[in-house]
Amino acid sequence: MAQKFPFANFQIEGKVVTVIMVAESGVATPELAQRSMVAFQKKLGRTDLVLVAQGVSLTPLYIGNRAFVDKLKDVPLGRINWQHFEA
């Protein structure tokens, strides 16, 4: 059975960047974050991705291209118009 992931698209630096919400455990270490990123890139066939997890402090943790993360880091998760896809 496929798992549903919330996602949203943002225009950043002339590119459509897809933000995907994942469990914090999926990005708990740099190695896990890299594996998660590669898996989503292969699944979606795109490289302009940012992963986000809600940490213990309820602060969003954005992971990905530094330029994209810098633009997104102050975006509250509750203000994002989430959609869902199955993977």
N, C-alpha and C. Protein backbone atom coordinates (compact mmCIF):
# COMPACT_ATOMS: atom_id res chain seq x y z
N MET A 1 0.84 -1.18 0.00
CA MET A 1 0.00 0.00 0.00
C MET A 1 0.89 1.24 0.00
N ALA A 2 0.56 2.19 -0.82
CA ALA A 2 1.36 3.41 -0.95
C ALA A 2 1.14 4.33 0.24
N GLN A 3 2.14 5.12 0.52
CA GLN A 3 2.07 6.10 1.59
C GLN A 3 1.78 7.46 0.98
N LYS A 4 0.95 8.27 1.65
CA LYS A 4 0.64 9.61 1.17
C LYS A 4 1.58 10.62 1.81
N PHE A 5 2.07 11.53 0.97
CA PHE A 5 2.96 12.59 1.44
C PHE A 5 2.37 13.95 1.09
N PRO A 6 2.32 14.87 2.06
CA PRO A 6 1.92 16.24 1.75
C PRO A 6 3.03 16.92 0.95
N PHE A 7 2.63 17.73 -0.04
CA PHE A 7 3.61 18.49 -0.82
C PHE A 7 3.00 19.82 -1.22
N ALA A 8 3.86 20.74 -1.58
CA ALA A 8 3.44 22.05 -2.10
C ALA A 8 4.53 22.53 -3.06
N ASN A 9 4.12 23.29 -4.06
CA ASN A 9 5.06 23.85 -5.02
C ASN A 9 5.24 25.34 -4.75
N PHE A 10 6.48 25.80 -4.87
CA PHE A 10 6.82 27.20 -4.70
C PHE A 10 7.65 27.66 -5.90
N GLN A 11 7.49 28.91 -6.29
CA GLN A 11 8.34 29.54 -7.30
C GLN A 11 9.52 30.16 -6.56
N ILE A 12 10.71 29.66 -6.81
CA ILE A 12 11.91 30.20 -6.17
C ILE A 12 12.99 30.32 -7.24
N GLU A 13 13.50 31.52 -7.39
CA GLU A 13 14.58 31.78 -8.35
C GLU A 13 14.24 31.26 -9.75
N GLY A 14 13.00 31.46 -10.16
CA GLY A 14 12.58 31.06 -11.50
C GLY A 14 12.34 29.57 -11.69
N LYS A 15 12.36 28.81 -10.60
CA LYS A 15 12.15 27.37 -10.68
C LYS A 15 10.94 26.98 -9.85
N VAL A 16 10.30 25.90 -10.25
CA VAL A 16 9.24 25.33 -9.42
C VAL A 16 9.92 24.35 -8.46
N VAL A 17 9.86 24.67 -7.18
CA VAL A 17 10.48 23.85 -6.15
C VAL A 17 9.37 23.14 -5.38
N THR A 18 9.47 21.83 -5.30
CA THR A 18 8.48 21.04 -4.59
C THR A 18 8.98 20.77 -3.17
N VAL A 19 8.14 21.13 -2.20
CA VAL A 19 8.44 20.88 -0.80
C VAL A 19 7.61 19.67 -0.38
N ILE A 20 8.27 18.68 0.20
CA ILE A 20 7.60 17.45 0.62
C ILE A 20 7.77 17.29 2.12
N MET A 21 6.66 17.08 2.82
CA MET A 21 6.73 16.87 4.26
C MET A 21 7.00 15.40 4.53
N VAL A 22 7.99 15.17 5.38
CA VAL A 22 8.38 13.81 5.76
C VAL A 22 8.42 13.72 7.28
N ALA A 23 8.47 12.50 7.77
CA ALA A 23 8.62 12.29 9.21
C ALA A 23 10.02 12.72 9.64
N GLU A 24 10.12 13.22 10.84
CA GLU A 24 11.42 13.65 11.33
C GLU A 24 12.43 12.51 11.32
N SER A 25 11.97 11.30 11.54
CA SER A 25 12.87 10.15 11.55
C SER A 25 13.50 9.91 10.18
N GLY A 26 12.86 10.38 9.12
CA GLY A 26 13.39 10.21 7.76
C GLY A 26 14.53 11.15 7.43
N VAL A 27 14.72 12.15 8.27
CA VAL A 27 15.80 13.12 8.04
C VAL A 27 16.62 13.35 9.32
N ALA A 28 16.58 12.38 10.23
CA ALA A 28 17.20 12.52 11.55
C ALA A 28 18.71 12.65 11.51
N THR A 29 19.33 12.07 10.49
CA THR A 29 20.77 12.19 10.32
C THR A 29 21.04 12.65 8.90
N PRO A 30 22.22 13.20 8.64
CA PRO A 30 22.53 13.60 7.26
C PRO A 30 22.41 12.44 6.27
N GLU A 31 22.80 11.24 6.69
CA GLU A 31 22.72 10.08 5.80
C GLU A 31 21.27 9.73 5.47
N LEU A 32 20.41 9.74 6.48
CA LEU A 32 18.99 9.45 6.24
C LEU A 32 18.36 10.53 5.37
N ALA A 33 18.71 11.78 5.62
CA ALA A 33 18.17 12.87 4.81
C ALA A 33 18.58 12.71 3.35
N GLN A 34 19.84 12.36 3.12
CA GLN A 34 20.33 12.17 1.75
C GLN A 34 19.60 11.01 1.08
N ARG A 35 19.42 9.91 1.79
CA ARG A 35 18.70 8.76 1.22
C ARG A 35 17.26 9.12 0.88
N SER A 36 16.61 9.85 1.78
CA SER A 36 15.23 10.27 1.53
C SER A 36 15.15 11.18 0.30
N MET A 37 16.09 12.12 0.22
CA MET A 37 16.11 13.05 -0.91
C MET A 37 16.29 12.29 -2.23
N VAL A 38 17.26 11.39 -2.28
CA VAL A 38 17.53 10.62 -3.50
C VAL A 38 16.32 9.78 -3.88
N ALA A 39 15.67 9.17 -2.89
CA ALA A 39 14.49 8.34 -3.18
C ALA A 39 13.37 9.18 -3.79
N PHE A 40 13.11 10.36 -3.25
CA PHE A 40 12.06 11.22 -3.82
C PHE A 40 12.46 11.75 -5.20
N GLN A 41 13.73 12.08 -5.38
CA GLN A 41 14.17 12.56 -6.69
C GLN A 41 13.96 11.48 -7.75
N LYS A 42 14.28 10.24 -7.42
CA LYS A 42 14.08 9.14 -8.37
C LYS A 42 12.59 8.92 -8.63
N LYS A 43 11.81 8.92 -7.58
CA LYS A 43 10.37 8.67 -7.71
C LYS A 43 9.68 9.74 -8.55
N LEU A 44 10.06 11.00 -8.33
CA LEU A 44 9.39 12.11 -9.00
C LEU A 44 10.10 12.56 -10.28
N GLY A 45 11.34 12.11 -10.47
CA GLY A 45 12.09 12.52 -11.65
C GLY A 45 12.43 13.99 -11.67
N ARG A 46 12.60 14.56 -10.48
CA ARG A 46 12.91 15.99 -10.35
C ARG A 46 14.02 16.18 -9.33
N THR A 47 14.78 17.24 -9.51
CA THR A 47 15.85 17.52 -8.55
C THR A 47 15.58 18.76 -7.71
N ASP A 48 14.61 19.57 -8.09
CA ASP A 48 14.31 20.79 -7.34
C ASP A 48 13.32 20.47 -6.22
N LEU A 49 13.85 19.75 -5.21
CA LEU A 49 13.03 19.31 -4.08
C LEU A 49 13.61 19.83 -2.78
N VAL A 50 12.73 20.06 -1.83
CA VAL A 50 13.12 20.37 -0.45
C VAL A 50 12.26 19.49 0.43
N LEU A 51 12.89 18.84 1.39
CA LEU A 51 12.16 18.06 2.38
C LEU A 51 11.96 18.91 3.62
N VAL A 52 10.83 18.72 4.28
CA VAL A 52 10.58 19.45 5.52
C VAL A 52 10.00 18.47 6.53
N ALA A 53 10.45 18.62 7.76
CA ALA A 53 9.93 17.83 8.87
C ALA A 53 9.66 18.79 10.02
N GLN A 54 8.66 18.44 10.82
CA GLN A 54 8.37 19.26 11.98
C GLN A 54 9.11 18.67 13.17
N GLY A 55 10.02 19.44 13.70
CA GLY A 55 10.85 18.96 14.80
C GLY A 55 10.13 18.97 16.13
N VAL A 56 10.80 18.50 17.14
CA VAL A 56 10.25 18.43 18.49
C VAL A 56 9.81 19.81 18.97
N SER A 57 10.55 20.83 18.60
CA SER A 57 10.22 22.19 19.01
C SER A 57 9.09 22.79 18.16
N LEU A 58 8.52 21.98 17.27
CA LEU A 58 7.46 22.37 16.34
C LEU A 58 7.94 23.37 15.29
N THR A 59 9.23 23.54 15.19
CA THR A 59 9.83 24.41 14.18
C THR A 59 10.11 23.59 12.93
N PRO A 60 9.73 24.08 11.75
CA PRO A 60 10.01 23.33 10.53
C PRO A 60 11.51 23.19 10.29
N LEU A 61 11.91 22.02 9.87
CA LEU A 61 13.30 21.74 9.52
C LEU A 61 13.32 21.47 8.02
N TYR A 62 13.82 22.45 7.25
CA TYR A 62 13.89 22.33 5.80
C TYR A 62 15.25 21.78 5.39
N ILE A 63 15.25 20.83 4.46
CA ILE A 63 16.48 20.19 4.01
C ILE A 63 16.51 20.17 2.49
N GLY A 64 17.62 20.63 1.94
CA GLY A 64 17.78 20.63 0.49
C GLY A 64 18.75 21.71 0.07
N ASN A 65 18.61 22.14 -1.17
CA ASN A 65 19.44 23.19 -1.75
C ASN A 65 19.40 24.42 -0.85
N ARG A 66 20.57 24.90 -0.44
CA ARG A 66 20.67 26.02 0.51
C ARG A 66 19.89 27.25 0.05
N ALA A 67 19.95 27.58 -1.22
CA ALA A 67 19.23 28.76 -1.73
C ALA A 67 17.73 28.60 -1.54
N PHE A 68 17.21 27.40 -1.78
CA PHE A 68 15.78 27.15 -1.60
C PHE A 68 15.41 27.15 -0.12
N VAL A 69 16.24 26.52 0.70
CA VAL A 69 15.97 26.44 2.13
C VAL A 69 15.96 27.84 2.74
N ASP A 70 16.89 28.70 2.32
CA ASP A 70 16.93 30.07 2.84
C ASP A 70 15.65 30.83 2.54
N LYS A 71 15.05 30.59 1.39
CA LYS A 71 13.80 31.27 1.02
C LYS A 71 12.61 30.71 1.79
N LEU A 72 12.69 29.45 2.20
CA LEU A 72 11.56 28.77 2.85
C LEU A 72 11.63 28.73 4.37
N LYS A 73 12.78 28.96 4.95
CA LYS A 73 13.00 28.69 6.37
C LYS A 73 12.04 29.41 7.32
N ASP A 74 11.48 30.53 6.92
CA ASP A 74 10.57 31.27 7.79
C ASP A 74 9.10 31.04 7.43
N VAL A 75 8.83 30.09 6.53
CA VAL A 75 7.46 29.81 6.13
C VAL A 75 6.85 28.82 7.13
N PRO A 76 5.80 29.24 7.87
CA PRO A 76 5.16 28.32 8.82
C PRO A 76 4.42 27.22 8.07
N LEU A 77 4.49 26.00 8.57
CA LEU A 77 3.86 24.87 7.90
C LEU A 77 2.34 25.04 7.80
N GLY A 78 1.74 25.70 8.77
CA GLY A 78 0.29 25.91 8.76
C GLY A 78 -0.19 26.87 7.68
N ARG A 79 0.70 27.61 7.08
CA ARG A 79 0.33 28.57 6.03
C ARG A 79 0.55 28.03 4.63
N ILE A 80 0.96 26.79 4.54
CA ILE A 80 1.22 26.17 3.24
C ILE A 80 -0.04 25.44 2.79
N ASN A 81 -0.41 25.63 1.53
CA ASN A 81 -1.56 24.95 0.95
C ASN A 81 -1.12 23.56 0.47
N TRP A 82 -1.19 22.59 1.37
CA TRP A 82 -0.69 21.25 1.09
C TRP A 82 -1.61 20.48 0.16
N GLN A 83 -1.00 19.70 -0.71
CA GLN A 83 -1.69 18.72 -1.54
C GLN A 83 -1.08 17.38 -1.15
N HIS A 84 -1.53 16.29 -1.74
CA HIS A 84 -0.98 14.97 -1.38
C HIS A 84 -0.69 14.15 -2.63
N PHE A 85 0.35 13.33 -2.53
CA PHE A 85 0.64 12.35 -3.57
C PHE A 85 1.00 11.04 -2.89
N GLU A 86 0.85 9.97 -3.62
CA GLU A 86 1.18 8.65 -3.09
C GLU A 86 2.51 8.18 -3.65
N ALA A 87 3.30 7.60 -2.79
CA ALA A 87 4.60 7.07 -3.21
C ALA A 87 4.79 5.68 -2.66
